[in-house]
Protein backbone atom coordinates (compact mmCIF):
# COMPACT_ATOMS: atom_id res chain seq x y z
CA MET A 1 76.05 -57.74 -12.16
CA ARG A 2 78.37 -59.42 -14.66
CA ILE A 3 76.73 -61.41 -17.75
CA ALA A 4 78.58 -64.59 -19.24
CA PRO A 5 80.09 -63.90 -22.85
CA ALA A 6 77.88 -66.86 -23.77
CA ALA A 7 74.86 -65.30 -23.00
CA PHE A 8 75.50 -62.26 -25.03
CA ILE A 9 74.67 -65.02 -28.13
CA VAL A 10 71.41 -65.83 -26.75
CA ILE A 11 70.26 -62.58 -26.20
CA ALA A 12 71.41 -61.65 -29.51
CA GLU A 13 69.38 -64.26 -30.91
CA ALA A 14 66.13 -63.04 -29.12
CA LEU A 15 66.73 -59.39 -30.37
CA PHE A 16 68.02 -60.13 -34.02
CA GLY A 17 67.04 -63.63 -34.51
CA LYS A 18 68.83 -66.68 -34.64
CA LYS A 19 69.23 -66.38 -38.57
CA ARG A 20 71.18 -63.20 -38.23
CA ILE A 21 73.98 -64.86 -36.02
CA PRO A 22 76.66 -66.47 -37.49
CA ASP A 23 77.95 -69.97 -36.32
CA ARG A 24 81.32 -68.62 -36.13
CA ALA A 25 83.25 -65.02 -36.21
CA TRP A 26 81.16 -63.92 -33.27
CA LYS A 27 83.35 -61.91 -31.86
CA THR A 28 83.95 -59.75 -34.84
CA HIS A 29 80.58 -59.65 -35.78
CA ASP A 30 78.58 -56.00 -35.61
CA LEU A 31 75.44 -57.68 -33.84
CA ARG A 32 78.15 -58.68 -30.90
CA ASN A 33 79.15 -55.03 -30.13
CA GLN A 34 75.62 -53.88 -30.80
CA THR A 35 74.20 -56.56 -28.27
CA ILE A 36 76.93 -55.57 -25.69
CA ARG A 37 76.37 -51.70 -25.89
CA LEU A 38 72.32 -52.75 -25.65
CA VAL A 39 72.82 -54.73 -22.41
CA GLN A 40 75.12 -52.50 -20.79
CA GLY A 41 72.44 -49.18 -21.58
CA GLY A 42 69.89 -51.64 -20.24
CA LEU A 43 71.90 -52.45 -16.73
CA ALA A 44 72.39 -48.56 -16.19
CA LEU A 45 68.86 -47.99 -16.78
CA MET A 46 68.28 -50.76 -13.90
CA ARG A 47 70.54 -49.16 -11.89
CA GLY A 48 68.87 -45.92 -11.55
CA GLY A 49 69.57 -44.23 -15.18
CA TYR A 50 65.75 -44.35 -15.60
CA ARG A 51 65.61 -41.39 -13.65
CA LYS A 52 67.86 -39.40 -15.99
CA LEU A 53 64.66 -40.02 -18.60
CA LEU A 54 62.46 -38.68 -16.28
CA HIS A 55 64.04 -35.38 -15.60
CA PRO A 56 66.58 -35.06 -18.50
CA GLY A 57 67.70 -31.32 -17.56
CA ARG A 58 68.51 -32.12 -13.91
CA LYS A 59 72.33 -31.81 -13.24
CA ASP A 60 71.88 -33.44 -9.72
CA GLU A 61 71.56 -36.98 -10.39
C-alpha cells in the first residue's frame, strides 16, 4: 500500500493537532518523520505484525 505524501500532513494534523504542523518546512520537521514511522508501524501491524504482540517469544512468525 502506497500513501500519498500529502496524506501524511492530514494524518499528522489528526494526531498532533493542526497548530503543531508548520505551514512551511514540512519536509524537515520532526513531526513529519514521527508521522511516517507511526504510519509504517501501523501498516506493519495490519499486515500481520499484530501476531508478534500476541506471541512475543515465538520465532517462527
